[in-house]
Amino acid sequence: VLVNDLYQISSAINNPIELASQKVDIEPILDQVINDISTLLQEKSINLQLDIVEDLPGLFADRDAFRQIMMHLLQNACLATPQGGNIRLGVFSETGEKGESYIHCLVTDQGGGIPTDSVAKIFSHRYRTENQSIPGVGDVVGLSISKTLVEAHGGRIWLESTPGFSSTLSLQFG
């Protein structure tokens, strides 16, 4: 998996990502991702709180890329959250200032937050080569891939962190 992730990062740096965008139903993808991480949740006795709006509109995206993004965000939260902690997955449909519709996904962990001086580094392709880890982050490589895939869709991804407590990774797809 790590080799595939590193290959994907290096390919994305040198070549534009080709997406097979189509209208996809979000709920089955989220069900699959939750099922895939269920072992990690159980091993660490982590409670996953779901806050997913019913009847979400379809999302125009590459199904596999969206699945990979959500998988990386939830894996990161699992790795960052301590034994017996909580993770929140929220998915909402929202309307922007100009009337445009988009999907807003957020993943909140209890990994102790990210120090202010490290926030700008969490999506870096090269951060791990310079430093061993960022406190409060479980998987910098996965976050880098997520950022690349979100931006290839024309979306955006960002972090809000409360050092010493938690972090929330959010993304918007239009």
N, C-alpha and C. Protein backbone atom coordinates (compact mmCIF):
# COMPACT_ATOMS: atom_id res chain seq x y z
N VAL A 1 0.83 -1.19 0.00
CA VAL A 1 0.00 0.00 0.00
C VAL A 1 0.87 1.25 0.00
N LEU A 2 1.93 1.24 0.85
CA LEU A 2 2.82 2.40 0.91
C LEU A 2 3.51 2.63 -0.43
N VAL A 3 3.96 1.55 -1.09
CA VAL A 3 4.60 1.69 -2.40
C VAL A 3 3.63 2.29 -3.40
N ASN A 4 2.39 1.81 -3.39
CA ASN A 4 1.38 2.38 -4.30
C ASN A 4 1.12 3.84 -4.00
N ASP A 5 1.06 4.20 -2.71
CA ASP A 5 0.86 5.60 -2.33
C ASP A 5 2.01 6.48 -2.82
N LEU A 6 3.24 6.02 -2.61
CA LEU A 6 4.40 6.79 -3.04
C LEU A 6 4.44 6.92 -4.56
N TYR A 7 4.08 5.86 -5.26
CA TYR A 7 4.02 5.91 -6.73
C TYR A 7 2.97 6.93 -7.17
N GLN A 8 1.83 6.93 -6.51
CA GLN A 8 0.76 7.85 -6.87
C GLN A 8 1.19 9.30 -6.65
N ILE A 9 1.89 9.58 -5.56
CA ILE A 9 2.38 10.93 -5.30
C ILE A 9 3.37 11.36 -6.36
N SER A 10 4.35 10.50 -6.65
CA SER A 10 5.36 10.89 -7.63
C SER A 10 4.77 11.04 -9.02
N SER A 11 3.80 10.23 -9.38
CA SER A 11 3.14 10.37 -10.67
C SER A 11 2.34 11.66 -10.76
N ALA A 12 1.67 12.02 -9.68
CA ALA A 12 0.85 13.23 -9.67
C ALA A 12 1.69 14.49 -9.77
N ILE A 13 2.91 14.45 -9.26
CA ILE A 13 3.79 15.61 -9.34
C ILE A 13 4.20 15.86 -10.78
N ASN A 14 4.44 14.81 -11.54
CA ASN A 14 4.95 14.94 -12.90
C ASN A 14 3.89 14.90 -13.99
N ASN A 15 2.74 14.36 -13.71
CA ASN A 15 1.69 14.20 -14.72
C ASN A 15 0.34 14.60 -14.14
N PRO A 16 -0.51 15.20 -14.97
CA PRO A 16 -1.85 15.51 -14.46
C PRO A 16 -2.62 14.21 -14.16
N ILE A 17 -3.43 14.26 -13.14
CA ILE A 17 -4.22 13.08 -12.76
C ILE A 17 -5.42 12.97 -13.70
N GLU A 18 -5.64 11.77 -14.19
CA GLU A 18 -6.79 11.53 -15.06
C GLU A 18 -7.90 10.94 -14.19
N LEU A 19 -9.02 11.64 -14.16
CA LEU A 19 -10.16 11.20 -13.37
C LEU A 19 -11.27 10.69 -14.27
N ALA A 20 -11.97 9.68 -13.81
CA ALA A 20 -13.15 9.16 -14.50
C ALA A 20 -14.37 9.69 -13.76
N SER A 21 -14.60 10.99 -13.88
CA SER A 21 -15.69 11.62 -13.12
C SER A 21 -17.05 11.23 -13.68
N GLN A 22 -17.95 10.98 -12.74
CA GLN A 22 -19.32 10.64 -13.05
C GLN A 22 -20.15 10.95 -11.81
N LYS A 23 -21.45 10.92 -11.94
CA LYS A 23 -22.29 11.15 -10.78
C LYS A 23 -22.28 9.88 -9.93
N VAL A 24 -21.85 10.04 -8.67
CA VAL A 24 -21.75 8.88 -7.77
C VAL A 24 -22.61 9.11 -6.54
N ASP A 25 -23.10 8.01 -6.00
CA ASP A 25 -23.87 8.02 -4.76
C ASP A 25 -22.86 7.88 -3.62
N ILE A 26 -22.87 8.83 -2.71
CA ILE A 26 -21.86 8.90 -1.64
C ILE A 26 -22.04 7.82 -0.58
N GLU A 27 -23.28 7.54 -0.18
CA GLU A 27 -23.50 6.64 0.95
C GLU A 27 -22.87 5.26 0.79
N PRO A 28 -23.01 4.59 -0.38
CA PRO A 28 -22.37 3.26 -0.50
C PRO A 28 -20.84 3.33 -0.41
N ILE A 29 -20.25 4.43 -0.89
CA ILE A 29 -18.81 4.58 -0.80
C ILE A 29 -18.39 4.73 0.66
N LEU A 30 -19.12 5.55 1.40
CA LEU A 30 -18.82 5.72 2.82
C LEU A 30 -19.02 4.42 3.59
N ASP A 31 -20.06 3.66 3.27
CA ASP A 31 -20.28 2.36 3.91
C ASP A 31 -19.08 1.44 3.68
N GLN A 32 -18.57 1.43 2.45
CA GLN A 32 -17.43 0.58 2.12
C GLN A 32 -16.18 1.01 2.89
N VAL A 33 -15.92 2.31 2.95
CA VAL A 33 -14.75 2.81 3.67
C VAL A 33 -14.85 2.48 5.16
N ILE A 34 -16.02 2.70 5.74
CA ILE A 34 -16.21 2.40 7.16
C ILE A 34 -16.00 0.91 7.42
N ASN A 35 -16.50 0.08 6.54
CA ASN A 35 -16.29 -1.36 6.66
C ASN A 35 -14.79 -1.69 6.58
N ASP A 36 -14.08 -1.02 5.67
CA ASP A 36 -12.65 -1.28 5.49
C ASP A 36 -11.82 -0.89 6.71
N ILE A 37 -12.22 0.15 7.44
CA ILE A 37 -11.45 0.57 8.61
C ILE A 37 -11.99 0.01 9.92
N SER A 38 -13.04 -0.80 9.86
CA SER A 38 -13.69 -1.29 11.08
C SER A 38 -12.72 -2.07 11.97
N THR A 39 -11.79 -2.81 11.39
CA THR A 39 -10.84 -3.57 12.20
C THR A 39 -9.95 -2.62 13.01
N LEU A 40 -9.48 -1.55 12.37
CA LEU A 40 -8.65 -0.57 13.07
C LEU A 40 -9.43 0.12 14.18
N LEU A 41 -10.69 0.44 13.91
CA LEU A 41 -11.55 1.04 14.94
C LEU A 41 -11.71 0.09 16.13
N GLN A 42 -11.96 -1.17 15.84
CA GLN A 42 -12.15 -2.15 16.90
C GLN A 42 -10.87 -2.39 17.70
N GLU A 43 -9.73 -2.48 17.00
CA GLU A 43 -8.46 -2.72 17.69
C GLU A 43 -8.14 -1.64 18.71
N LYS A 44 -8.52 -0.40 18.39
CA LYS A 44 -8.23 0.72 19.29
C LYS A 44 -9.44 1.14 20.11
N SER A 45 -10.53 0.39 20.01
CA SER A 45 -11.78 0.72 20.72
C SER A 45 -12.20 2.16 20.48
N ILE A 46 -12.12 2.58 19.22
CA ILE A 46 -12.49 3.94 18.83
C ILE A 46 -13.96 3.95 18.44
N ASN A 47 -14.67 4.95 18.95
CA ASN A 47 -16.08 5.14 18.61
C ASN A 47 -16.15 6.07 17.39
N LEU A 48 -16.80 5.62 16.33
CA LEU A 48 -16.99 6.44 15.13
C LEU A 48 -18.40 7.02 15.15
N GLN A 49 -18.49 8.33 15.31
CA GLN A 49 -19.78 9.02 15.31
C GLN A 49 -20.07 9.48 13.89
N LEU A 50 -21.21 9.05 13.36
CA LEU A 50 -21.60 9.42 12.01
C LEU A 50 -22.62 10.54 12.05
N ASP A 51 -22.36 11.57 11.30
CA ASP A 51 -23.27 12.70 11.17
C ASP A 51 -23.43 12.95 9.68
N ILE A 52 -24.18 12.07 9.04
CA ILE A 52 -24.33 12.09 7.59
C ILE A 52 -25.78 12.42 7.26
N VAL A 53 -25.97 13.50 6.53
CA VAL A 53 -27.30 13.94 6.15
C VAL A 53 -27.94 12.89 5.24
N GLU A 54 -29.19 12.59 5.47
CA GLU A 54 -29.91 11.65 4.61
C GLU A 54 -30.18 12.29 3.26
N ASP A 55 -30.32 11.45 2.26
CA ASP A 55 -30.66 11.89 0.90
C ASP A 55 -29.68 12.91 0.35
N LEU A 56 -28.39 12.62 0.50
CA LEU A 56 -27.37 13.49 -0.07
C LEU A 56 -27.50 13.47 -1.60
N PRO A 57 -27.29 14.61 -2.23
CA PRO A 57 -27.32 14.59 -3.70
C PRO A 57 -26.11 13.83 -4.22
N GLY A 58 -26.20 13.34 -5.43
CA GLY A 58 -25.06 12.67 -6.03
C GLY A 58 -23.90 13.65 -6.18
N LEU A 59 -22.72 13.11 -6.20
CA LEU A 59 -21.51 13.91 -6.32
C LEU A 59 -20.88 13.60 -7.66
N PHE A 60 -20.48 14.63 -8.40
CA PHE A 60 -19.79 14.42 -9.66
C PHE A 60 -18.30 14.29 -9.35
N ALA A 61 -17.81 13.05 -9.36
CA ALA A 61 -16.43 12.78 -8.96
C ALA A 61 -15.99 11.43 -9.51
N ASP A 62 -14.72 11.17 -9.38
CA ASP A 62 -14.17 9.85 -9.68
C ASP A 62 -14.43 8.98 -8.46
N ARG A 63 -15.21 7.94 -8.63
CA ARG A 63 -15.63 7.08 -7.51
C ARG A 63 -14.44 6.54 -6.72
N ASP A 64 -13.45 6.00 -7.43
CA ASP A 64 -12.30 5.41 -6.74
C ASP A 64 -11.47 6.47 -6.02
N ALA A 65 -11.33 7.64 -6.62
CA ALA A 65 -10.57 8.71 -5.99
C ALA A 65 -11.29 9.20 -4.73
N PHE A 66 -12.60 9.37 -4.80
CA PHE A 66 -13.35 9.82 -3.63
C PHE A 66 -13.23 8.79 -2.51
N ARG A 67 -13.32 7.51 -2.85
CA ARG A 67 -13.17 6.45 -1.86
C ARG A 67 -11.78 6.52 -1.22
N GLN A 68 -10.76 6.72 -2.03
CA GLN A 68 -9.39 6.78 -1.53
C GLN A 68 -9.20 7.99 -0.60
N ILE A 69 -9.77 9.12 -0.97
CA ILE A 69 -9.68 10.32 -0.12
C ILE A 69 -10.28 10.04 1.25
N MET A 70 -11.50 9.53 1.26
CA MET A 70 -12.18 9.28 2.53
C MET A 70 -11.46 8.22 3.35
N MET A 71 -10.89 7.23 2.67
CA MET A 71 -10.14 6.19 3.36
C MET A 71 -8.91 6.79 4.05
N HIS A 72 -8.18 7.64 3.34
CA HIS A 72 -6.99 8.26 3.93
C HIS A 72 -7.36 9.17 5.11
N LEU A 73 -8.44 9.93 4.98
CA LEU A 73 -8.83 10.82 6.07
C LEU A 73 -9.22 10.04 7.31
N LEU A 74 -9.97 8.97 7.14
CA LEU A 74 -10.39 8.16 8.29
C LEU A 74 -9.23 7.35 8.87
N GLN A 75 -8.35 6.83 8.02
CA GLN A 75 -7.18 6.12 8.53
C GLN A 75 -6.30 7.06 9.34
N ASN A 76 -6.10 8.27 8.84
CA ASN A 76 -5.31 9.25 9.58
C ASN A 76 -5.92 9.51 10.95
N ALA A 77 -7.24 9.69 10.98
CA ALA A 77 -7.93 9.93 12.25
C ALA A 77 -7.76 8.75 13.20
N CYS A 78 -7.85 7.53 12.68
CA CYS A 78 -7.67 6.34 13.51
C CYS A 78 -6.26 6.26 14.07
N LEU A 79 -5.28 6.56 13.25
CA LEU A 79 -3.89 6.50 13.69
C LEU A 79 -3.58 7.59 14.71
N ALA A 80 -4.21 8.75 14.58
CA ALA A 80 -3.95 9.87 15.49
C ALA A 80 -4.72 9.76 16.80
N THR A 81 -5.91 9.16 16.75
CA THR A 81 -6.77 9.09 17.93
C THR A 81 -6.28 8.02 18.91
N PRO A 82 -6.23 8.35 20.19
CA PRO A 82 -5.76 7.37 21.17
C PRO A 82 -6.79 6.26 21.41
N GLN A 83 -6.32 5.21 22.03
CA GLN A 83 -7.17 4.08 22.43
C GLN A 83 -8.42 4.59 23.15
N GLY A 84 -9.59 4.12 22.73
CA GLY A 84 -10.84 4.47 23.39
C GLY A 84 -11.37 5.86 23.04
N GLY A 85 -10.75 6.52 22.06
CA GLY A 85 -11.17 7.87 21.67
C GLY A 85 -12.36 7.88 20.73
N ASN A 86 -12.65 9.05 20.22
CA ASN A 86 -13.79 9.25 19.32
C ASN A 86 -13.34 9.93 18.03
N ILE A 87 -14.00 9.54 16.95
CA ILE A 87 -13.83 10.18 15.65
C ILE A 87 -15.21 10.55 15.15
N ARG A 88 -15.33 11.71 14.55
CA ARG A 88 -16.61 12.14 13.97
C ARG A 88 -16.45 12.26 12.46
N LEU A 89 -17.36 11.64 11.72
CA LEU A 89 -17.44 11.78 10.27
C LEU A 89 -18.72 12.52 9.96
N GLY A 90 -18.59 13.69 9.38
CA GLY A 90 -19.75 14.48 8.99
C GLY A 90 -19.78 14.67 7.49
N VAL A 91 -20.95 14.54 6.88
CA VAL A 91 -21.10 14.77 5.45
C VAL A 91 -22.40 15.54 5.25
N PHE A 92 -22.28 16.69 4.60
CA PHE A 92 -23.41 17.60 4.44
C PHE A 92 -23.47 18.12 3.01
N SER A 93 -24.63 18.52 2.61
CA SER A 93 -24.81 19.24 1.36
C SER A 93 -25.01 20.70 1.73
N GLU A 94 -24.25 21.59 1.09
CA GLU A 94 -24.34 23.01 1.41
C GLU A 94 -24.43 23.84 0.14
N THR A 95 -24.86 25.07 0.30
CA THR A 95 -24.96 26.01 -0.80
C THR A 95 -24.01 27.17 -0.55
N GLY A 96 -23.20 27.50 -1.54
CA GLY A 96 -22.23 28.58 -1.41
C GLY A 96 -22.87 29.94 -1.57
N GLU A 97 -22.04 30.97 -1.46
CA GLU A 97 -22.50 32.35 -1.53
C GLU A 97 -23.12 32.69 -2.88
N LYS A 98 -22.69 32.03 -3.95
CA LYS A 98 -23.20 32.30 -5.29
C LYS A 98 -24.28 31.31 -5.71
N GLY A 99 -24.81 30.55 -4.75
CA GLY A 99 -25.88 29.60 -5.03
C GLY A 99 -25.41 28.24 -5.51
N GLU A 100 -24.10 28.01 -5.56
CA GLU A 100 -23.59 26.73 -6.02
C GLU A 100 -23.72 25.69 -4.90
N SER A 101 -23.99 24.45 -5.31
CA SER A 101 -24.11 23.35 -4.34
C SER A 101 -22.79 22.62 -4.24
N TYR A 102 -22.49 22.15 -3.05
CA TYR A 102 -21.31 21.34 -2.87
C TYR A 102 -21.51 20.39 -1.69
N ILE A 103 -20.66 19.38 -1.66
CA ILE A 103 -20.65 18.41 -0.57
C ILE A 103 -19.50 18.79 0.36
N HIS A 104 -19.78 18.85 1.64
CA HIS A 104 -18.77 19.17 2.66
C HIS A 104 -18.61 17.93 3.53
N CYS A 105 -17.41 17.39 3.56
CA CYS A 105 -17.08 16.24 4.40
C CYS A 105 -16.07 16.70 5.45
N LEU A 106 -16.23 16.20 6.66
CA LEU A 106 -15.25 16.52 7.70
C LEU A 106 -15.00 15.29 8.56
N VAL A 107 -13.75 15.20 9.01
CA VAL A 107 -13.33 14.11 9.89
C VAL A 107 -12.61 14.76 11.07
N THR A 108 -13.16 14.56 12.26
CA THR A 108 -12.57 15.12 13.48
C THR A 108 -12.02 13.99 14.33
N ASP A 109 -10.77 14.13 14.73
CA ASP A 109 -10.14 13.12 15.59
C ASP A 109 -9.84 13.71 16.96
N GLN A 110 -9.36 12.87 17.85
CA GLN A 110 -8.92 13.30 19.18
C GLN A 110 -7.43 13.04 19.34
N GLY A 111 -6.68 13.37 18.30
CA GLY A 111 -5.25 13.09 18.29
C GLY A 111 -4.38 14.12 18.96
N GLY A 112 -4.97 15.01 19.72
CA GLY A 112 -4.17 15.99 20.44
C GLY A 112 -3.90 17.26 19.67
N GLY A 113 -4.52 17.41 18.51
CA GLY A 113 -4.32 18.62 17.73
C GLY A 113 -2.94 18.65 17.09
N ILE A 114 -2.75 19.62 16.23
CA ILE A 114 -1.50 19.77 15.49
C ILE A 114 -0.88 21.10 15.87
N PRO A 115 0.39 21.11 16.24
CA PRO A 115 1.03 22.37 16.59
C PRO A 115 0.92 23.38 15.45
N THR A 116 0.73 24.63 15.80
CA THR A 116 0.53 25.70 14.82
C THR A 116 1.64 25.73 13.78
N ASP A 117 2.87 25.52 14.18
CA ASP A 117 3.98 25.58 13.23
C ASP A 117 4.04 24.39 12.28
N SER A 118 3.23 23.37 12.50
CA SER A 118 3.20 22.19 11.62
C SER A 118 1.99 22.15 10.71
N VAL A 119 1.01 23.00 10.93
CA VAL A 119 -0.24 22.96 10.15
C VAL A 119 0.03 23.07 8.66
N ALA A 120 0.90 23.97 8.25
CA ALA A 120 1.17 24.17 6.82
C ALA A 120 1.89 22.97 6.20
N LYS A 121 2.44 22.09 7.00
CA LYS A 121 3.24 20.98 6.50
C LYS A 121 2.47 19.67 6.33
N ILE A 122 1.25 19.59 6.83
CA ILE A 122 0.59 18.27 6.87
C ILE A 122 0.24 17.70 5.51
N PHE A 123 0.14 18.54 4.47
CA PHE A 123 -0.18 18.05 3.13
C PHE A 123 1.06 17.95 2.24
N SER A 124 2.24 18.17 2.81
CA SER A 124 3.48 18.20 2.03
C SER A 124 3.85 16.82 1.51
N HIS A 125 4.31 16.79 0.26
CA HIS A 125 4.78 15.54 -0.33
C HIS A 125 6.11 15.11 0.27
N ARG A 126 6.89 16.03 0.81
CA ARG A 126 8.24 15.73 1.22
C ARG A 126 8.49 15.86 2.72
N TYR A 127 7.48 16.13 3.50
CA TYR A 127 7.71 16.44 4.91
C TYR A 127 8.37 15.29 5.66
N ARG A 128 7.99 14.06 5.41
CA ARG A 128 8.53 12.91 6.13
C ARG A 128 10.03 12.74 5.94
N THR A 129 10.56 13.17 4.80
CA THR A 129 11.99 13.01 4.58
C THR A 129 12.81 13.93 5.46
N GLU A 130 12.20 15.03 5.91
CA GLU A 130 12.91 15.99 6.73
C GLU A 130 12.70 15.74 8.23
N ASN A 131 11.57 15.22 8.61
CA ASN A 131 11.22 15.01 10.01
C ASN A 131 10.52 13.68 10.15
N GLN A 132 10.62 13.09 11.31
CA GLN A 132 10.01 11.79 11.53
C GLN A 132 8.49 11.83 11.54
N SER A 133 7.90 12.81 12.21
CA SER A 133 6.44 12.84 12.29
C SER A 133 5.98 14.21 12.74
N ILE A 134 4.71 14.44 12.55
CA ILE A 134 4.06 15.65 13.03
C ILE A 134 3.13 15.21 14.16
N PRO A 135 3.28 15.76 15.36
CA PRO A 135 2.37 15.39 16.44
C PRO A 135 0.92 15.62 16.04
N GLY A 136 0.06 14.63 16.29
CA GLY A 136 -1.36 14.76 15.99
C GLY A 136 -1.75 14.30 14.61
N VAL A 137 -0.77 13.90 13.78
CA VAL A 137 -1.05 13.42 12.43
C VAL A 137 -0.64 11.97 12.35
N GLY A 138 -1.53 11.14 11.81
CA GLY A 138 -1.23 9.72 11.70
C GLY A 138 -0.58 9.32 10.40
N ASP A 139 -0.88 10.03 9.30
CA ASP A 139 -0.45 9.56 7.98
C ASP A 139 -0.27 10.74 7.03
N VAL A 140 0.93 11.32 7.01
CA VAL A 140 1.20 12.47 6.14
C VAL A 140 1.11 12.08 4.67
N VAL A 141 1.58 10.87 4.31
CA VAL A 141 1.53 10.44 2.91
C VAL A 141 0.08 10.37 2.44
N GLY A 142 -0.80 9.79 3.23
CA GLY A 142 -2.21 9.71 2.87
C GLY A 142 -2.86 11.08 2.75
N LEU A 143 -2.48 12.01 3.61
CA LEU A 143 -3.03 13.36 3.55
C LEU A 143 -2.54 14.08 2.29
N SER A 144 -1.30 13.86 1.91
CA SER A 144 -0.76 14.45 0.69
C SER A 144 -1.51 13.93 -0.54
N ILE A 145 -1.75 12.62 -0.57
CA ILE A 145 -2.51 12.04 -1.67
C ILE A 145 -3.93 12.60 -1.70
N SER A 146 -4.55 12.71 -0.53
CA SER A 146 -5.91 13.26 -0.46
C SER A 146 -5.96 14.66 -1.02
N LYS A 147 -5.02 15.49 -0.64
CA LYS A 147 -4.98 16.87 -1.14
C LYS A 147 -4.85 16.89 -2.66
N THR A 148 -3.97 16.07 -3.18
CA THR A 148 -3.77 16.01 -4.63
C THR A 148 -5.06 15.60 -5.34
N LEU A 149 -5.73 14.58 -4.82
CA LEU A 149 -6.96 14.10 -5.44
C LEU A 149 -8.11 15.09 -5.31
N VAL A 150 -8.24 15.72 -4.15
CA VAL A 150 -9.30 16.72 -3.96
C VAL A 150 -9.10 17.88 -4.94
N GLU A 151 -7.88 18.37 -5.04
CA GLU A 151 -7.61 19.49 -5.93
C GLU A 151 -7.77 19.11 -7.40
N ALA A 152 -7.49 17.85 -7.75
CA ALA A 152 -7.70 17.39 -9.13
C ALA A 152 -9.18 17.44 -9.50
N HIS A 153 -10.05 17.34 -8.50
CA HIS A 153 -11.50 17.44 -8.70
C HIS A 153 -11.97 18.90 -8.69
N GLY A 154 -11.07 19.83 -8.45
CA GLY A 154 -11.47 21.23 -8.33
C GLY A 154 -12.02 21.57 -6.95
N GLY A 155 -11.81 20.68 -5.98
CA GLY A 155 -12.28 20.91 -4.62
C GLY A 155 -11.18 21.52 -3.77
N ARG A 156 -11.47 21.62 -2.49
CA ARG A 156 -10.46 22.13 -1.57
C ARG A 156 -10.49 21.33 -0.28
N ILE A 157 -9.34 21.27 0.39
CA ILE A 157 -9.19 20.55 1.64
C ILE A 157 -8.42 21.44 2.59
N TRP A 158 -8.81 21.41 3.86
CA TRP A 158 -8.13 22.25 4.85
C TRP A 158 -8.21 21.62 6.23
N LEU A 159 -7.43 22.19 7.13
CA LEU A 159 -7.33 21.68 8.49
C LEU A 159 -7.70 22.78 9.48
N GLU A 160 -8.46 22.40 10.49
CA GLU A 160 -8.70 23.25 11.65
C GLU A 160 -8.25 22.43 12.85
N SER A 161 -7.41 23.03 13.70
CA SER A 161 -6.85 22.26 14.79
C SER A 161 -6.89 23.06 16.09
N THR A 162 -7.16 22.34 17.15
CA THR A 162 -7.07 22.89 18.50
C THR A 162 -5.92 22.14 19.18
N PRO A 163 -4.71 22.78 19.19
CA PRO A 163 -3.57 22.09 19.79
C PRO A 163 -3.88 21.60 21.21
N GLY A 164 -3.49 20.36 21.45
CA GLY A 164 -3.74 19.74 22.74
C GLY A 164 -5.06 19.01 22.82
N PHE A 165 -5.90 19.12 21.77
CA PHE A 165 -7.20 18.46 21.83
C PHE A 165 -7.55 17.68 20.56
N SER A 166 -7.84 18.38 19.46
CA SER A 166 -8.34 17.67 18.28
C SER A 166 -7.99 18.41 16.99
N SER A 167 -8.22 17.71 15.88
CA SER A 167 -8.06 18.27 14.55
C SER A 167 -9.26 17.88 13.71
N THR A 168 -9.65 18.77 12.80
CA THR A 168 -10.71 18.47 11.85
C THR A 168 -10.17 18.73 10.45
N LEU A 169 -10.21 17.69 9.63
CA LEU A 169 -9.88 17.82 8.22
C LEU A 169 -11.20 17.93 7.47
N SER A 170 -11.33 18.99 6.67
CA SER A 170 -12.55 19.21 5.90
C SER A 170 -12.24 19.25 4.42
N LEU A 171 -13.21 18.85 3.63
CA LEU A 171 -13.08 18.99 2.19
C LEU A 171 -14.40 19.37 1.59
N GLN A 172 -14.33 20.06 0.45
CA GLN A 172 -15.51 20.46 -0.30
C GLN A 172 -15.34 20.00 -1.74
N PHE A 173 -16.39 19.39 -2.24
CA PHE A 173 -16.48 19.02 -3.64
C PHE A 173 -17.66 19.76 -4.22
N GLY A 174 -17.48 20.33 -5.40
CA GLY A 174 -18.57 21.05 -6.06
C GLY A 174 -19.33 20.19 -7.00
